[in-house]
Amino acid sequence: MKLRLGFQHAGIFPNLNYYKWLGAYHGSDTTISFGTYELLDNVANTTSFEVEVSQSMQDHILAFVKDPYHGPQKTMGWNPLVASDPNGGDFIRFGADGKVAQHVDGVEIDGPNTYRNGN
C-alpha cells in the first residue's frame, strides 16, 4: 500500500530570504527541516516563530520515520492524501499566515486557480 503525506513549507524568514521578493523558495525548507537555520544568522537573526516552525516540521517528519503507516495520524493528526478527494486531500502548511502549522486542502496548493498572474 502506498501512503502519501502532503506538506508545504510556506515560511518566509529574514535569515533565509536575503531578497524579500524570494518568498518561500524551493529548498528553503532544508534548514528548517534540519534545524540548521542559525547557520544563517550572519544574514539576519533567527526568529522565535522560525524555531517553532522548525520544531513542528521535525516532529512531523519524526512521526513519519518512526511509523510511516500510523505514526503521523496517531501523533500528529497528519492524514494520508486521498487521490480521489475532490478537494485535493489533506496537506499541512508550515509557517504561513503567522501559524506554525495548519491543515489545508490540496487544491489551495495545487489547484487549477492557485496562481493567476500574481492575483
PDB file of N, CA and C in Angstrom:
ATOM      1  N   MET A   1       0.846  -1.189   0.000  1.00  0.00           N
ATOM      2  CA  MET A   1       0.000   0.000   0.000  1.00  0.00           C
ATOM      3  C   MET A   1       0.885   1.245   0.000  1.00  0.00           C
ATOM      4  N   LYS A   2       0.629   2.134  -0.940  1.00  0.00           N
ATOM      5  CA  LYS A   2       1.352   3.395  -0.977  1.00  0.00           C
ATOM      6  C   LYS A   2       0.688   4.388  -0.047  1.00  0.00           C
ATOM      7  N   LEU A   3       1.497   5.067   0.718  1.00  0.00           N
ATOM      8  CA  LEU A   3       0.988   6.086   1.627  1.00  0.00           C
ATOM      9  C   LEU A   3       1.611   7.407   1.237  1.00  0.00           C
ATOM     10  N   ARG A   4       0.795   8.392   1.002  1.00  0.00           N
ATOM     11  CA  ARG A   4       1.302   9.706   0.626  1.00  0.00           C
ATOM     12  C   ARG A   4       0.843  10.733   1.639  1.00  0.00           C
ATOM     13  N   LEU A   5       1.803  11.507   2.113  1.00  0.00           N
ATOM     14  CA  LEU A   5       1.517  12.598   3.033  1.00  0.00           C
ATOM     15  C   LEU A   5       1.943  13.882   2.347  1.00  0.00           C
ATOM     16  N   GLY A   6       1.115  14.908   2.451  1.00  0.00           N
ATOM     17  CA  GLY A   6       1.425  16.150   1.775  1.00  0.00           C
ATOM     18  C   GLY A   6       1.734  17.280   2.735  1.00  0.00           C
ATOM     19  N   PHE A   7       2.758  18.070   2.374  1.00  0.00           N
ATOM     20  CA  PHE A   7       3.050  19.254   3.169  1.00  0.00           C
ATOM     21  C   PHE A   7       3.593  20.350   2.269  1.00  0.00           C
ATOM     22  N   GLN A   8       3.509  21.560   2.757  1.00  0.00           N
ATOM     23  CA  GLN A   8       4.057  22.714   2.053  1.00  0.00           C
ATOM     24  C   GLN A   8       4.768  23.593   3.064  1.00  0.00           C
ATOM     25  N   HIS A   9       6.012  23.912   2.757  1.00  0.00           N
ATOM     26  CA  HIS A   9       6.745  24.891   3.565  1.00  0.00           C
ATOM     27  C   HIS A   9       6.444  26.251   2.959  1.00  0.00           C
ATOM     28  N   ALA A  10       5.837  27.137   3.736  1.00  0.00           N
ATOM     29  CA  ALA A  10       5.461  28.455   3.225  1.00  0.00           C
ATOM     30  C   ALA A  10       6.025  29.585   4.087  1.00  0.00           C
ATOM     31  N   GLY A  11       6.944  29.242   4.986  1.00  0.00           N
ATOM     32  CA  GLY A  11       7.514  30.241   5.890  1.00  0.00           C
ATOM     33  C   GLY A  11       8.493  31.165   5.187  1.00  0.00           C
ATOM     34  N   ILE A  12       8.407  32.422   5.530  1.00  0.00           N
ATOM     35  CA  ILE A  12       9.335  33.426   4.999  1.00  0.00           C
ATOM     36  C   ILE A  12      10.047  34.032   6.199  1.00  0.00           C
ATOM     37  N   PHE A  13      11.347  33.749   6.295  1.00  0.00           N
ATOM     38  CA  PHE A  13      12.126  34.173   7.448  1.00  0.00           C
ATOM     39  C   PHE A  13      13.307  35.031   6.997  1.00  0.00           C
ATOM     40  N   PRO A  14      13.621  36.077   7.763  1.00  0.00           N
ATOM     41  CA  PRO A  14      14.654  37.036   7.353  1.00  0.00           C
ATOM     42  C   PRO A  14      16.014  36.410   7.039  1.00  0.00           C
ATOM     43  N   ASN A  15      16.440  35.421   7.812  1.00  0.00           N
ATOM     44  CA  ASN A  15      17.758  34.847   7.562  1.00  0.00           C
ATOM     45  C   ASN A  15      17.775  33.868   6.389  1.00  0.00           C
ATOM     46  N   LEU A  16      16.606  33.484   5.897  1.00  0.00           N
ATOM     47  CA  LEU A  16      16.536  32.603   4.729  1.00  0.00           C
ATOM     48  C   LEU A  16      16.197  33.377   3.461  1.00  0.00           C
ATOM     49  N   ASN A  17      15.885  34.635   3.600  1.00  0.00           N
ATOM     50  CA  ASN A  17      15.446  35.434   2.466  1.00  0.00           C
ATOM     51  C   ASN A  17      16.255  36.723   2.371  1.00  0.00           C
ATOM     52  N   TYR A  18      17.436  36.623   1.810  1.00  0.00           N
ATOM     53  CA  TYR A  18      18.277  37.809   1.638  1.00  0.00           C
ATOM     54  C   TYR A  18      17.531  38.853   0.807  1.00  0.00           C
ATOM     55  N   TYR A  19      16.800  38.367  -0.196  1.00  0.00           N
ATOM     56  CA  TYR A  19      15.966  39.250  -1.014  1.00  0.00           C
ATOM     57  C   TYR A  19      14.515  38.994  -0.635  1.00  0.00           C
ATOM     58  N   LYS A  20      13.810  40.013  -0.213  1.00  0.00           N
ATOM     59  CA  LYS A  20      12.434  39.849   0.265  1.00  0.00           C
ATOM     60  C   LYS A  20      11.505  39.249  -0.789  1.00  0.00           C
ATOM     61  N   TRP A  21      11.774  39.480  -2.064  1.00  0.00           N
ATOM     62  CA  TRP A  21      10.903  39.001  -3.118  1.00  0.00           C
ATOM     63  C   TRP A  21      11.011  37.488  -3.325  1.00  0.00           C
ATOM     64  N   LEU A  22      11.991  36.826  -2.693  1.00  0.00           N
ATOM     65  CA  LEU A  22      12.140  35.385  -2.878  1.00  0.00           C
ATOM     66  C   LEU A  22      10.974  34.578  -2.336  1.00  0.00           C
ATOM     67  N   GLY A  23      10.416  34.994  -1.217  1.00  0.00           N
ATOM     68  CA  GLY A  23       9.358  34.218  -0.593  1.00  0.00           C
ATOM     69  C   GLY A  23       9.878  32.874  -0.124  1.00  0.00           C
ATOM     70  N   ALA A  24       9.016  31.894  -0.018  1.00  0.00           N
ATOM     71  CA  ALA A  24       9.413  30.531   0.354  1.00  0.00           C
ATOM     72  C   ALA A  24       9.769  29.815  -0.944  1.00  0.00           C
ATOM     73  N   TYR A  25      11.044  29.668  -1.206  1.00  0.00           N
ATOM     74  CA  TYR A  25      11.513  29.121  -2.476  1.00  0.00           C
ATOM     75  C   TYR A  25      11.913  27.654  -2.326  1.00  0.00           C
ATOM     76  N   HIS A  26      12.101  26.996  -3.460  1.00  0.00           N
ATOM     77  CA  HIS A  26      12.487  25.586  -3.468  1.00  0.00           C
ATOM     78  C   HIS A  26      13.799  25.413  -2.705  1.00  0.00           C
ATOM     79  N   GLY A  27      13.773  24.563  -1.707  1.00  0.00           N
ATOM     80  CA  GLY A  27      14.961  24.297  -0.905  1.00  0.00           C
ATOM     81  C   GLY A  27      15.049  25.119   0.368  1.00  0.00           C
ATOM     82  N   SER A  28      14.193  26.128   0.506  1.00  0.00           N
ATOM     83  CA  SER A  28      14.267  26.954   1.723  1.00  0.00           C
ATOM     84  C   SER A  28      13.773  26.203   2.952  1.00  0.00           C
ATOM     85  N   ASP A  29      13.140  25.064   2.730  1.00  0.00           N
ATOM     86  CA  ASP A  29      12.697  24.240   3.858  1.00  0.00           C
ATOM     87  C   ASP A  29      13.818  23.368   4.426  1.00  0.00           C
ATOM     88  N   THR A  30      14.942  23.263   3.729  1.00  0.00           N
ATOM     89  CA  THR A  30      16.020  22.380   4.164  1.00  0.00           C
ATOM     90  C   THR A  30      16.560  22.769   5.531  1.00  0.00           C
ATOM     91  N   THR A  31      16.883  24.044   5.714  1.00  0.00           N
ATOM     92  CA  THR A  31      17.420  24.470   7.011  1.00  0.00           C
ATOM     93  C   THR A  31      16.373  24.363   8.114  1.00  0.00           C
ATOM     94  N   ILE A  32      15.108  24.522   7.754  1.00  0.00           N
ATOM     95  CA  ILE A  32      14.026  24.387   8.729  1.00  0.00           C
ATOM     96  C   ILE A  32      13.866  22.913   9.113  1.00  0.00           C
ATOM     97  N   SER A  33      13.902  22.029   8.140  1.00  0.00           N
ATOM     98  CA  SER A  33      13.748  20.596   8.404  1.00  0.00           C
ATOM     99  C   SER A  33      14.882  20.042   9.254  1.00  0.00           C
ATOM    100  N   PHE A  34      16.092  20.511   9.008  1.00  0.00           N
ATOM    101  CA  PHE A  34      17.248  20.001   9.746  1.00  0.00           C
ATOM    102  C   PHE A  34      17.586  20.825  10.989  1.00  0.00           C
ATOM    103  N   GLY A  35      16.912  21.951  11.174  1.00  0.00           N
ATOM    104  CA  GLY A  35      17.167  22.780  12.347  1.00  0.00           C
ATOM    105  C   GLY A  35      18.491  23.517  12.300  1.00  0.00           C
ATOM    106  N   THR A  36      18.982  23.795  11.098  1.00  0.00           N
ATOM    107  CA  THR A  36      20.273  24.473  10.947  1.00  0.00           C
ATOM    108  C   THR A  36      20.124  25.946  10.569  1.00  0.00           C
ATOM    109  N   TYR A  37      18.962  26.515  10.832  1.00  0.00           N
ATOM    110  CA  TYR A  37      18.661  27.900  10.476  1.00  0.00           C
ATOM    111  C   TYR A  37      19.637  28.896  11.091  1.00  0.00           C
ATOM    112  N   GLU A  38      20.185  28.599  12.275  1.00  0.00           N
ATOM    113  CA  GLU A  38      21.094  29.546  12.944  1.00  0.00           C
ATOM    114  C   GLU A  38      22.412  29.718  12.194  1.00  0.00           C
ATOM    115  N   LEU A  39      22.717  28.815  11.270  1.00  0.00           N
ATOM    116  CA  LEU A  39      23.921  28.965  10.451  1.00  0.00           C
ATOM    117  C   LEU A  39      23.832  30.189   9.547  1.00  0.00           C
ATOM    118  N   LEU A  40      22.622  30.700   9.384  1.00  0.00           N
ATOM    119  CA  LEU A  40      22.417  31.864   8.514  1.00  0.00           C
ATOM    120  C   LEU A  40      22.170  33.142   9.311  1.00  0.00           C
ATOM    121  N   ASP A  41      22.509  33.139  10.585  1.00  0.00           N
ATOM    122  CA  ASP A  41      22.319  34.339  11.404  1.00  0.00           C
ATOM    123  C   ASP A  41      23.220  35.491  10.981  1.00  0.00           C
ATOM    124  N   ASN A  42      24.200  35.237  10.118  1.00  0.00           N
ATOM    125  CA  ASN A  42      25.002  36.341   9.573  1.00  0.00           C
ATOM    126  C   ASN A  42      24.189  37.161   8.569  1.00  0.00           C
ATOM    127  N   VAL A  43      23.115  36.574   8.049  1.00  0.00           N
ATOM    128  CA  VAL A  43      22.221  37.297   7.131  1.00  0.00           C
ATOM    129  C   VAL A  43      21.209  38.105   7.941  1.00  0.00           C
ATOM    130  N   ALA A  44      20.568  37.453   8.895  1.00  0.00           N
ATOM    131  CA  ALA A  44      19.613  38.083   9.816  1.00  0.00           C
ATOM    132  C   ALA A  44      19.404  37.108  10.967  1.00  0.00           C
ATOM    133  N   ASN A  45      18.899  37.602  12.059  1.00  0.00           N
ATOM    134  CA  ASN A  45      18.695  36.759  13.235  1.00  0.00           C
ATOM    135  C   ASN A  45      17.541  35.783  13.040  1.00  0.00           C
ATOM    136  N   THR A  46      17.711  34.604  13.618  1.00  0.00           N
ATOM    137  CA  THR A  46      16.649  33.603  13.653  1.00  0.00           C
ATOM    138  C   THR A  46      15.513  34.141  14.520  1.00  0.00           C
ATOM    139  N   THR A  47      14.275  33.930  14.087  1.00  0.00           N
ATOM    140  CA  THR A  47      13.118  34.380  14.862  1.00  0.00           C
ATOM    141  C   THR A  47      12.576  33.224  15.708  1.00  0.00           C
ATOM    142  N   SER A  48      11.873  33.556  16.769  1.00  0.00           N
ATOM    143  CA  SER A  48      11.280  32.510  17.620  1.00  0.00           C
ATOM    144  C   SER A  48      10.216  31.733  16.833  1.00  0.00           C
ATOM    145  N   PHE A  49       9.501  32.406  15.947  1.00  0.00           N
ATOM    146  CA  PHE A  49       8.498  31.730  15.110  1.00  0.00           C
ATOM    147  C   PHE A  49       9.179  30.715  14.183  1.00  0.00           C
ATOM    148  N   GLU A  50      10.324  31.073  13.661  1.00  0.00           N
ATOM    149  CA  GLU A  50      11.090  30.179  12.798  1.00  0.00           C
ATOM    150  C   GLU A  50      11.485  28.902  13.557  1.00  0.00           C
ATOM    151  N   VAL A  51      11.896  29.061  14.795  1.00  0.00           N
ATOM    152  CA  VAL A  51      12.259  27.919  15.638  1.00  0.00           C
ATOM    153  C   VAL A  51      11.036  27.026  15.864  1.00  0.00           C
ATOM    154  N   GLU A  52       9.884  27.636  16.141  1.00  0.00           N
ATOM    155  CA  GLU A  52       8.653  26.866  16.358  1.00  0.00           C
ATOM    156  C   GLU A  52       8.264  26.079  15.109  1.00  0.00           C
ATOM    157  N   VAL A  53       8.369  26.722  13.946  1.00  0.00           N
ATOM    158  CA  VAL A  53       8.039  26.052  12.681  1.00  0.00           C
ATOM    159  C   VAL A  53       8.996  24.887  12.459  1.00  0.00           C
ATOM    160  N   SER A  54      10.272  25.122  12.696  1.00  0.00           N
ATOM    161  CA  SER A  54      11.276  24.079  12.531  1.00  0.00           C
ATOM    162  C   SER A  54      10.996  22.888  13.441  1.00  0.00           C
ATOM    163  N   GLN A  55      10.708  23.157  14.688  1.00  0.00           N
ATOM    164  CA  GLN A  55      10.431  22.069  15.635  1.00  0.00           C
ATOM    165  C   GLN A  55       9.191  21.290  15.234  1.00  0.00           C
ATOM    166  N   SER A  56       8.173  21.983  14.746  1.00  0.00           N
ATOM    167  CA  SER A  56       6.954  21.308  14.309  1.00  0.00           C
ATOM    168  C   SER A  56       7.224  20.436  13.084  1.00  0.00           C
ATOM    169  N   MET A  57       7.970  20.973  12.110  1.00  0.00           N
ATOM    170  CA  MET A  57       8.304  20.168  10.925  1.00  0.00           C
ATOM    171  C   MET A  57       9.097  18.931  11.325  1.00  0.00           C
ATOM    172  N   GLN A  58      10.051  19.103  12.228  1.00  0.00           N
ATOM    173  CA  GLN A  58      10.858  17.968  12.673  1.00  0.00           C
ATOM    174  C   GLN A  58       9.993  16.932  13.396  1.00  0.00           C
ATOM    175  N   ASP A  59       9.044  17.390  14.205  1.00  0.00           N
ATOM    176  CA  ASP A  59       8.140  16.465  14.904  1.00  0.00           C
ATOM    177  C   ASP A  59       7.303  15.660  13.909  1.00  0.00           C
ATOM    178  N   HIS A  60       6.811  16.325  12.872  1.00  0.00           N
ATOM    179  CA  HIS A  60       6.006  15.638  11.856  1.00  0.00           C
ATOM    180  C   HIS A  60       6.855  14.614  11.100  1.00  0.00           C
ATOM    181  N   ILE A  61       8.055  15.007  10.721  1.00  0.00           N
ATOM    182  CA  ILE A  61       8.944  14.091   9.997  1.00  0.00           C
ATOM    183  C   ILE A  61       9.308  12.907  10.879  1.00  0.00           C
ATOM    184  N   LEU A  62       9.607  13.150  12.144  1.00  0.00           N
ATOM    185  CA  LEU A  62       9.965  12.073  13.068  1.00  0.00           C
ATOM    186  C   LEU A  62       8.805  11.092  13.254  1.00  0.00           C
ATOM    187  N   ALA A  63       7.591  11.603  13.351  1.00  0.00           N
ATOM    188  CA  ALA A  63       6.419  10.722  13.477  1.00  0.00           C
ATOM    189  C   ALA A  63       6.321   9.802  12.270  1.00  0.00           C
ATOM    190  N   PHE A  64       6.623  10.333  11.098  1.00  0.00           N
ATOM    191  CA  PHE A  64       6.597   9.529   9.878  1.00  0.00           C
ATOM    192  C   PHE A  64       7.721   8.493   9.876  1.00  0.00           C
ATOM    193  N   VAL A  65       8.927   8.910  10.266  1.00  0.00           N
ATOM    194  CA  VAL A  65      10.069   7.996  10.263  1.00  0.00           C
ATOM    195  C   VAL A  65       9.862   6.845  11.252  1.00  0.00           C
ATOM    196  N   LYS A  66       9.320   7.154  12.417  1.00  0.00           N
ATOM    197  CA  LYS A  66       9.103   6.123  13.443  1.00  0.00           C
ATOM    198  C   LYS A  66       8.058   5.093  13.017  1.00  0.00           C
ATOM    199  N   ASP A  67       6.996   5.549  12.359  1.00  0.00           N
ATOM    200  CA  ASP A  67       5.915   4.647  11.951  1.00  0.00           C
ATOM    201  C   ASP A  67       5.201   5.258  10.756  1.00  0.00           C
ATOM    202  N   PRO A  68       5.695   4.979   9.547  1.00  0.00           N
ATOM    203  CA  PRO A  68       5.145   5.628   8.353  1.00  0.00           C
ATOM    204  C   PRO A  68       3.656   5.386   8.107  1.00  0.00           C
ATOM    205  N   TYR A  69       3.149   4.242   8.557  1.00  0.00           N
ATOM    206  CA  TYR A  69       1.754   3.920   8.257  1.00  0.00           C
ATOM    207  C   TYR A  69       0.760   4.406   9.298  1.00  0.00           C
ATOM    208  N   HIS A  70       1.204   4.622  10.526  1.00  0.00           N
ATOM    209  CA  HIS A  70       0.258   5.028  11.562  1.00  0.00           C
ATOM    210  C   HIS A  70       0.724   6.214  12.400  1.00  0.00           C
ATOM    211  N   GLY A  71       2.019   6.415  12.505  1.00  0.00           N
ATOM    212  CA  GLY A  71       2.572   7.453  13.375  1.00  0.00           C
ATOM    213  C   GLY A  71       2.065   8.857  13.108  1.00  0.00           C
ATOM    214  N   PRO A  72       2.111   9.308  11.849  1.00  0.00           N
ATOM    215  CA  PRO A  72       1.663  10.678  11.581  1.00  0.00           C
ATOM    216  C   PRO A  72       0.200  10.923  11.939  1.00  0.00           C
ATOM    217  N   GLN A  73      -0.649   9.924  11.689  1.00  0.00           N
ATOM    218  CA  GLN A  73      -2.064  10.079  12.003  1.00  0.00           C
ATOM    219  C   GLN A  73      -2.290  10.074  13.511  1.00  0.00           C
ATOM    220  N   LYS A  74      -1.669   9.130  14.197  1.00  0.00           N
ATOM    221  CA  LYS A  74      -1.884   8.986  15.637  1.00  0.00           C
ATOM    222  C   LYS A  74      -1.322  10.150  16.439  1.00  0.00           C
ATOM    223  N   THR A  75      -0.082  10.522  16.139  1.00  0.00           N
ATOM    224  CA  THR A  75       0.596  11.506  16.992  1.00  0.00           C
ATOM    225  C   THR A  75       0.478  12.938  16.514  1.00  0.00           C
ATOM    226  N   MET A  76       0.276  13.138  15.217  1.00  0.00           N
ATOM    227  CA  MET A  76       0.300  14.497  14.678  1.00  0.00           C
ATOM    228  C   MET A  76      -0.988  14.908  13.962  1.00  0.00           C
ATOM    229  N   GLY A  77      -1.917  13.984  13.781  1.00  0.00           N
ATOM    230  CA  GLY A  77      -3.132  14.314  13.037  1.00  0.00           C
ATOM    231  C   GLY A  77      -2.865  14.572  11.559  1.00  0.00           C
ATOM    232  N   TRP A  78      -1.787  13.985  11.056  1.00  0.00           N
ATOM    233  CA  TRP A  78      -1.365  14.176   9.662  1.00  0.00           C
ATOM    234  C   TRP A  78      -1.914  13.023   8.848  1.00  0.00           C
ATOM    235  N   ASN A  79      -2.982  13.255   8.138  1.00  0.00           N
ATOM    236  CA  ASN A  79      -3.677  12.193   7.420  1.00  0.00           C
ATOM    237  C   ASN A  79      -3.098  11.978   6.029  1.00  0.00           C
ATOM    238  N   PRO A  80      -3.144  10.727   5.544  1.00  0.00           N
ATOM    239  CA  PRO A  80      -2.656  10.447   4.193  1.00  0.00           C
ATOM    240  C   PRO A  80      -3.501  11.170   3.150  1.00  0.00           C
ATOM    241  N   LEU A  81      -2.870  11.457   2.026  1.00  0.00           N
ATOM    242  CA  LEU A  81      -3.593  12.055   0.905  1.00  0.00           C
ATOM    243  C   LEU A  81      -4.483  10.999   0.266  1.00  0.00           C
ATOM    244  N   VAL A  82      -5.654  11.395  -0.129  1.00  0.00           N
ATOM    245  CA  VAL A  82      -6.566  10.519  -0.852  1.00  0.00           C
ATOM    246  C   VAL A  82      -6.724  11.129  -2.244  1.00  0.00           C
ATOM    247  N   ALA A  83      -6.173  10.436  -3.240  1.00  0.00           N
ATOM    248  CA  ALA A  83      -6.131  10.980  -4.597  1.00  0.00           C
ATOM    249  C   ALA A  83      -7.512  11.316  -5.151  1.00  0.00           C
ATOM    250  N   SER A  84      -8.519  10.580  -4.744  1.00  0.00           N
ATOM    251  CA  SER A  84      -9.861  10.822  -5.277  1.00  0.00           C
ATOM    252  C   SER A  84     -10.603  11.952  -4.560  1.00  0.00           C
ATOM    253  N   ASP A  85     -10.021  12.513  -3.528  1.00  0.00           N
ATOM    254  CA  ASP A  85     -10.670  13.606  -2.785  1.00  0.00           C
ATOM    255  C   ASP A  85     -10.842  14.814  -3.710  1.00  0.00           C
ATOM    256  N   PRO A  86     -12.063  15.294  -3.900  1.00  0.00           N
ATOM    257  CA  PRO A  86     -12.286  16.430  -4.804  1.00  0.00           C
ATOM    258  C   PRO A  86     -11.611  17.719  -4.340  1.00  0.00           C
ATOM    259  N   ASN A  87     -11.253  17.793  -3.054  1.00  0.00           N
ATOM    260  CA  ASN A  87     -10.564  18.987  -2.546  1.00  0.00           C
ATOM    261  C   ASN A  87      -9.053  18.828  -2.533  1.00  0.00           C
ATOM    262  N   GLY A  88      -8.557  17.741  -3.108  1.00  0.00           N
ATOM    263  CA  GLY A  88      -7.117  17.566  -3.234  1.00  0.00           C
ATOM    264  C   GLY A  88      -6.441  16.910  -2.056  1.00  0.00           C
ATOM    265  N   GLY A  89      -7.186  16.480  -1.070  1.00  0.00           N
ATOM    266  CA  GLY A  89      -6.597  15.807   0.082  1.00  0.00           C
ATOM    267  C   GLY A  89      -6.127  16.776   1.149  1.00  0.00           C
ATOM    268  N   ASP A  90      -5.664  16.197   2.242  1.00  0.00           N
ATOM    269  CA  ASP A  90      -5.241  16.958   3.419  1.00  0.00           C
ATOM    270  C   ASP A  90      -3.739  17.239   3.357  1.00  0.00           C
ATOM    271  N   PHE A  91      -3.373  18.509   3.337  1.00  0.00           N
ATOM    272  CA  PHE A  91      -1.977  18.934   3.376  1.00  0.00           C
ATOM    273  C   PHE A  91      -1.734  19.681   4.679  1.00  0.00           C
ATOM    274  N   ILE A  92      -0.483  19.698   5.113  1.00  0.00           N
ATOM    275  CA  ILE A  92      -0.098  20.556   6.225  1.00  0.00           C
ATOM    276  C   ILE A  92       0.781  21.652   5.658  1.00  0.00           C
ATOM    277  N   ARG A  93       0.411  22.878   5.949  1.00  0.00           N
ATOM    278  CA  ARG A  93       1.178  24.047   5.501  1.00  0.00           C
ATOM    279  C   ARG A  93       1.914  24.601   6.715  1.00  0.00           C
ATOM    280  N   PHE A  94       3.219  24.702   6.603  1.00  0.00           N
ATOM    281  CA  PHE A  94       4.058  25.180   7.701  1.00  0.00           C
ATOM    282  C   PHE A  94       4.485  26.625   7.485  1.00  0.00           C
ATOM    283  N   GLY A  95       4.319  27.440   8.528  1.00  0.00           N
ATOM    284  CA  GLY A  95       4.894  28.780   8.557  1.00  0.00           C
ATOM    285  C   GLY A  95       4.147  29.868   7.818  1.00  0.00           C
ATOM    286  N   ALA A  96       2.928  29.653   7.420  1.00  0.00           N
ATOM    287  CA  ALA A  96       2.167  30.670   6.682  1.00  0.00           C
ATOM    288  C   ALA A  96       1.168  31.370   7.587  1.00  0.00           C
ATOM    289  N   ASP A  97       0.896  32.607   7.276  1.00  0.00           N
ATOM    290  CA  ASP A  97      -0.161  33.375   7.953  1.00  0.00           C
ATOM    291  C   ASP A  97       0.025  33.446   9.466  1.00  0.00           C
ATOM    292  N   GLY A  98       1.282  33.430   9.918  1.00  0.00           N
ATOM    293  CA  GLY A  98       1.552  33.518  11.351  1.00  0.00           C
ATOM    294  C   GLY A  98       1.213  32.253  12.122  1.00  0.00           C
ATOM    295  N   LYS A  99       0.970  31.159  11.413  1.00  0.00           N
ATOM    296  CA  LYS A  99       0.625  29.882  12.053  1.00  0.00           C
ATOM    297  C   LYS A  99       1.769  28.898  11.855  1.00  0.00           C
ATOM    298  N   VAL A 100       2.118  28.204  12.929  1.00  0.00           N
ATOM    299  CA  VAL A 100       3.196  27.218  12.843  1.00  0.00           C
ATOM    300  C   VAL A 100       2.839  26.137  11.833  1.00  0.00           C
ATOM    301  N   ALA A 101       1.640  25.570  11.964  1.00  0.00           N
ATOM    302  CA  ALA A 101       1.169  24.535  11.048  1.00  0.00           C
ATOM    303  C   ALA A 101      -0.344  24.625  10.949  1.00  0.00           C
ATOM    304  N   GLN A 102      -0.847  24.366   9.755  1.00  0.00           N
ATOM    305  CA  GLN A 102      -2.297  24.370   9.560  1.00  0.00           C
ATOM    306  C   GLN A 102      -2.655  23.358   8.479  1.00  0.00           C
ATOM    307  N   HIS A 103      -3.824  22.756   8.618  1.00  0.00           N
ATOM    308  CA  HIS A 103      -4.308  21.823   7.607  1.00  0.00           C
ATOM    309  C   HIS A 103      -5.012  22.622   6.518  1.00  0.00           C
ATOM    310  N   VAL A 104      -4.678  22.321   5.269  1.00  0.00           N
ATOM    311  CA  VAL A 104      -5.314  22.977   4.128  1.00  0.00           C
ATOM    312  C   VAL A 104      -5.664  21.915   3.091  1.00  0.00           C
ATOM    313  N   ASP A 105      -6.632  22.236   2.253  1.00  0.00           N
ATOM    314  CA  ASP A 105      -6.982  21.349   1.149  1.00  0.00           C
ATOM    315  C   ASP A 105      -5.916  21.444   0.063  1.00  0.00           C
ATOM    316  N   GLY A 106      -5.666  20.313  -0.582  1.00  0.00           N
ATOM    317  CA  GLY A 106      -4.667  20.267  -1.644  1.00  0.00           C
ATOM    318  C   GLY A 106      -4.922  21.243  -2.771  1.00  0.00           C
ATOM    319  N   VAL A 107      -6.187  21.562  -3.039  1.00  0.00           N
ATOM    320  CA  VAL A 107      -6.478  22.500  -4.127  1.00  0.00           C
ATOM    321  C   VAL A 107      -5.939  23.902  -3.814  1.00  0.00           C
ATOM    322  N   GLU A 108      -5.744  24.215  -2.537  1.00  0.00           N
ATOM    323  CA  GLU A 108      -5.140  25.505  -2.193  1.00  0.00           C
ATOM    324  C   GLU A 108      -3.689  25.567  -2.630  1.00  0.00           C
ATOM    325  N   ILE A 109      -3.055  24.419  -2.723  1.00  0.00           N
ATOM    326  CA  ILE A 109      -1.644  24.358  -3.085  1.00  0.00           C
ATOM    327  C   ILE A 109      -1.463  24.067  -4.563  1.00  0.00           C
ATOM    328  N   ASP A 110      -2.210  23.107  -5.077  1.00  0.00           N
ATOM    329  CA  ASP A 110      -2.027  22.659  -6.451  1.00  0.00           C
ATOM    330  C   ASP A 110      -3.283  22.770  -7.301  1.00  0.00           C
ATOM    331  N   GLY A 111      -4.231  23.588  -6.880  1.00  0.00           N
ATOM    332  CA  GLY A 111      -5.489  23.696  -7.625  1.00  0.00           C
ATOM    333  C   GLY A 111      -5.332  24.441  -8.923  1.00  0.00           C
ATOM    334  N   PRO A 112      -6.341  24.364  -9.758  1.00  0.00           N
ATOM    335  CA  PRO A 112      -6.267  24.993 -11.082  1.00  0.00           C
ATOM    336  C   PRO A 112      -6.166  26.519 -11.015  1.00  0.00           C
ATOM    337  N   ASN A 113      -6.681  27.124  -9.967  1.00  0.00           N
ATOM    338  CA  ASN A 113      -6.634  28.589  -9.859  1.00  0.00           C
ATOM    339  C   ASN A 113      -5.718  29.044  -8.724  1.00  0.00           C
ATOM    340  N   THR A 114      -4.702  28.255  -8.419  1.00  0.00           N
ATOM    341  CA  THR A 114      -3.808  28.586  -7.318  1.00  0.00           C
ATOM    342  C   THR A 114      -3.073  29.883  -7.583  1.00  0.00           C
ATOM    343  N   TYR A 115      -2.679  30.101  -8.814  1.00  0.00           N
ATOM    344  CA  TYR A 115      -1.909  31.305  -9.163  1.00  0.00           C
ATOM    345  C   TYR A 115      -2.454  31.857 -10.467  1.00  0.00           C
ATOM    346  N   ARG A 116      -2.883  33.101 -10.393  1.00  0.00           N
ATOM    347  CA  ARG A 116      -3.411  33.764 -11.604  1.00  0.00           C
ATOM    348  C   ARG A 116      -2.700  35.098 -11.763  1.00  0.00           C
ATOM    349  N   ASN A 117      -1.648  35.109 -12.517  1.00  0.00           N
ATOM    350  CA  ASN A 117      -0.920  36.333 -12.818  1.00  0.00           C
ATOM    351  C   ASN A 117      -0.632  37.173 -11.583  1.00  0.00           C
ATOM    352  N   GLY A 118      -0.309  36.520 -10.488  1.00  0.00           N
ATOM    353  CA  GLY A 118       0.056  37.233  -9.257  1.00  0.00           C
ATOM    354  C   GLY A 118      -1.103  37.758  -8.459  1.00  0.00           C
ATOM    355  N   ASN A 119      -2.344  37.479  -8.855  1.00  0.00           N
ATOM    356  CA  ASN A 119      -3.525  37.968  -8.137  1.00  0.00           C
ATOM    357  C   ASN A 119      -4.130  36.883  -7.281  1.00  0.00           C
TER     358      ASN A 119
END
